[in-house]
C-alpha atoms as a PDB file:
ATOM      1  CA  MET A   1     -96.436 262.569 155.184  1.00  0.00           C
ATOM      2  CA  GLN A   2     -93.284 261.457 153.294  1.00  0.00           C
ATOM      3  CA  THR A   3     -92.676 264.983 152.101  1.00  0.00           C
ATOM      4  CA  GLN A   4     -92.680 266.353 155.640  1.00  0.00           C
ATOM      5  CA  ASN A   5     -90.186 263.625 156.704  1.00  0.00           C
ATOM      6  CA  ARG A   6     -88.045 264.439 153.801  1.00  0.00           C
ATOM      7  CA  LEU A   7     -88.269 268.034 154.455  1.00  0.00           C
ATOM      8  CA  LEU A   8     -87.244 267.434 158.083  1.00  0.00           C
ATOM      9  CA  ASP A   9     -84.517 265.230 156.978  1.00  0.00           C
ATOM     10  CA  ASP A  10     -83.114 267.822 154.551  1.00  0.00           C
ATOM     11  CA  LEU A  11     -83.564 270.554 157.363  1.00  0.00           C
ATOM     12  CA  ALA A  12     -81.603 268.360 159.863  1.00  0.00           C
ATOM     13  CA  ARG A  13     -78.770 267.680 157.249  1.00  0.00           C
ATOM     14  CA  LEU A  14     -78.685 271.328 156.386  1.00  0.00           C
ATOM     15  CA  THR A  15     -78.486 272.297 160.131  1.00  0.00           C
ATOM     16  CA  THR A  16     -75.783 269.701 160.725  1.00  0.00           C
ATOM     17  CA  SER A  17     -73.789 270.918 157.829  1.00  0.00           C
ATOM     18  CA  ALA A  18     -74.174 274.535 158.835  1.00  0.00           C
ATOM     19  CA  LEU A  19     -73.001 273.769 162.411  1.00  0.00           C
ATOM     20  CA  GLY A  20     -69.943 271.864 161.117  1.00  0.00           C
ATOM     21  CA  THR A  21     -69.169 274.839 158.874  1.00  0.00           C
ATOM     22  CA  LEU A  22     -69.475 277.216 161.844  1.00  0.00           C
ATOM     23  CA  LYS A  23     -67.223 275.008 163.861  1.00  0.00           C
ATOM     24  CA  ASP A  24     -64.669 275.105 161.246  1.00  0.00           C
ATOM     25  CA  ALA A  25     -65.017 278.882 160.782  1.00  0.00           C
ATOM     26  CA  ARG A  26     -64.689 279.398 164.588  1.00  0.00           C
ATOM     27  CA  ALA A  27     -61.408 277.298 164.611  1.00  0.00           C
ATOM     28  CA  GLU A  28     -60.046 279.287 161.808  1.00  0.00           C
ATOM     29  CA  VAL A  29     -60.833 282.602 163.465  1.00  0.00           C
ATOM     30  CA  GLU A  30     -59.263 281.441 166.727  1.00  0.00           C
ATOM     31  CA  ALA A  31     -56.179 280.484 164.905  1.00  0.00           C
ATOM     32  CA  ARG A  32     -55.901 283.698 163.099  1.00  0.00           C
ATOM     33  CA  VAL A  33     -56.441 285.694 166.268  1.00  0.00           C
ATOM     34  CA  ARG A  34     -53.965 283.654 168.039  1.00  0.00           C
ATOM     35  CA  GLU A  35     -51.384 284.301 165.320  1.00  0.00           C
ATOM     36  CA  GLN A  36     -52.042 288.061 165.360  1.00  0.00           C
ATOM     37  CA  ILE A  37     -51.687 288.222 169.266  1.00  0.00           C
ATOM     38  CA  GLU A  38     -48.421 286.210 169.074  1.00  0.00           C
ATOM     39  CA  ARG A  39     -47.036 288.533 166.331  1.00  0.00           C
ATOM     40  CA  GLY A  40     -48.033 291.528 168.444  1.00  0.00           C
ATOM     41  CA  LEU A  41     -46.382 290.107 171.574  1.00  0.00           C
ATOM     42  CA  ALA A  42     -43.324 289.153 169.610  1.00  0.00           C
ATOM     43  CA  ARG A  43     -42.909 292.802 168.494  1.00  0.00           C
ATOM     44  CA  MET A  44     -42.985 293.854 172.104  1.00  0.00           C
ATOM     45  CA  ASP A  45     -39.835 293.526 174.193  1.00  0.00           C
ATOM     46  CA  LEU A  46     -41.406 291.196 176.843  1.00  0.00           C
ATOM     47  CA  VAL A  47     -39.566 288.600 178.961  1.00  0.00           C
ATOM     48  CA  THR A  48     -40.521 284.918 179.020  1.00  0.00           C
ATOM     49  CA  ARG A  49     -41.884 283.372 182.190  1.00  0.00           C
ATOM     50  CA  GLU A  50     -38.575 281.508 182.698  1.00  0.00           C
ATOM     51  CA  GLU A  51     -36.557 284.715 182.465  1.00  0.00           C
ATOM     52  CA  PHE A  52     -38.927 286.326 184.883  1.00  0.00           C
ATOM     53  CA  GLU A  53     -38.673 283.447 187.371  1.00  0.00           C
ATOM     54  CA  VAL A  54     -34.838 283.588 187.177  1.00  0.00           C
ATOM     55  CA  VAL A  55     -34.690 287.301 187.903  1.00  0.00           C
ATOM     56  CA  LYS A  56     -37.238 286.703 190.730  1.00  0.00           C
ATOM     57  CA  ALA A  57     -35.096 284.164 192.348  1.00  0.00           C
ATOM     58  CA  MET A  58     -32.094 286.487 192.010  1.00  0.00           C
ATOM     59  CA  ALA A  59     -33.927 289.275 193.698  1.00  0.00           C
ATOM     60  CA  ALA A  60     -34.950 286.954 196.541  1.00  0.00           C
ATOM     61  CA  LYS A  61     -31.426 285.759 197.082  1.00  0.00           C
ATOM     62  CA  ALA A  62     -30.065 289.345 197.029  1.00  0.00           C
ATOM     63  CA  ARG A  63     -32.762 290.349 199.471  1.00  0.00           C
ATOM     64  CA  ALA A  64     -31.819 287.553 201.891  1.00  0.00           C
ATOM     65  CA  GLU A  65     -28.137 288.455 201.533  1.00  0.00           C
ATOM     66  CA  ASN A  66     -28.928 291.977 202.237  1.00  0.00           C
ATOM     67  CA  GLU A  67     -30.792 291.156 205.401  1.00  0.00           C
ATOM     68  CA  ALA A  68     -27.906 288.880 206.502  1.00  0.00           C
ATOM     69  CA  LEU A  69     -25.446 291.703 205.961  1.00  0.00           C
ATOM     70  CA  ARG A  70     -27.740 294.113 207.734  1.00  0.00           C
ATOM     71  CA  GLU A  71     -27.800 291.840 210.791  1.00  0.00           C
ATOM     72  CA  ARG A  72     -24.179 291.404 210.709  1.00  0.00           C
ATOM     73  CA  LEU A  73     -23.476 295.123 210.500  1.00  0.00           C
ATOM     74  CA  ALA A  74     -25.814 295.727 213.548  1.00  0.00           C
ATOM     75  CA  ALA A  75     -23.855 293.187 215.594  1.00  0.00           C
ATOM     76  CA  LEU A  76     -20.597 294.757 214.642  1.00  0.00           C
ATOM     77  CA  GLU A  77     -21.801 298.198 215.500  1.00  0.00           C
ATOM     78  CA  LYS A  78     -22.996 296.920 218.893  1.00  0.00           C
ATOM     79  CA  ARG A  79     -19.661 295.482 219.631  1.00  0.00           C
ATOM     80  CA  VAL A  80     -18.052 298.794 218.579  1.00  0.00           C
ATOM     81  CA  ARG A  81     -20.331 300.706 220.982  1.00  0.00           C
ATOM     82  CA  ARG A  82     -19.516 298.269 223.895  1.00  0.00           C
ATOM     83  CA  ARG A  83     -15.783 298.730 223.351  1.00  0.00           C
ATOM     84  CA  LYS A  84     -16.202 302.453 223.305  1.00  0.00           C
ATOM     85  CA  LYS A  85     -18.052 302.233 226.616  1.00  0.00           C
ATOM     86  CA  ARG A  86     -15.294 300.274 228.238  1.00  0.00           C
ATOM     87  CA  ARG A  87     -12.641 302.794 227.330  1.00  0.00           C
ATOM     88  CA  THR A  88     -11.476 304.885 230.249  1.00  0.00           C
ATOM     89  CA  PRO A  89     -12.309 308.571 229.983  1.00  0.00           C
ATOM     90  CA  ALA A  90      -8.625 309.483 230.441  1.00  0.00           C
ATOM     91  CA  ALA A  91      -7.583 307.524 227.419  1.00  0.00           C
ATOM     92  CA  ALA A  92      -6.794 309.717 224.410  1.00  0.00           C
ATOM     93  CA  PRO A  93      -7.998 308.835 220.952  1.00  0.00           C
ATOM     94  CA  GLY A  94      -5.561 306.154 219.474  1.00  0.00           C
ATOM     95  CA  GLU A  95      -4.366 305.072 222.890  1.00  0.00           C
ATOM     96  CA  THR A  96      -5.287 301.782 224.314  1.00  0.00           C
ATOM     97  CA  PRO A  97      -7.116 301.861 227.706  1.00  0.00           C
ATOM     98  CA  ALA A  98      -5.229 300.981 230.870  1.00  0.00           C
ATOM     99  CA  ALA A  99      -5.307 297.350 231.978  1.00  0.00           C
ATOM    100  CA  SER A 100      -7.704 296.996 234.878  1.00  0.00           C
END
């Protein structure tokens, strides 16, 4: 019976040792893969998250300004149309309409 216990103890130690070695090997492989990916990404001309967020904010601001200018232009065009309608038909271009 002692030989079976000793055999099981040796087998358990061997298994534990193998699992530890596998964990170390896995960590080493993960580190090397991570390094390779980082090197590959570094060679590409990619922007960082921070740079992307800055440009995204700039685009949102420009979009808002564009919309505000669009609304302002529409209001100005409306005013011009109203003024043209108020002109008397007898007024020549460049003349001011007669006072009513």
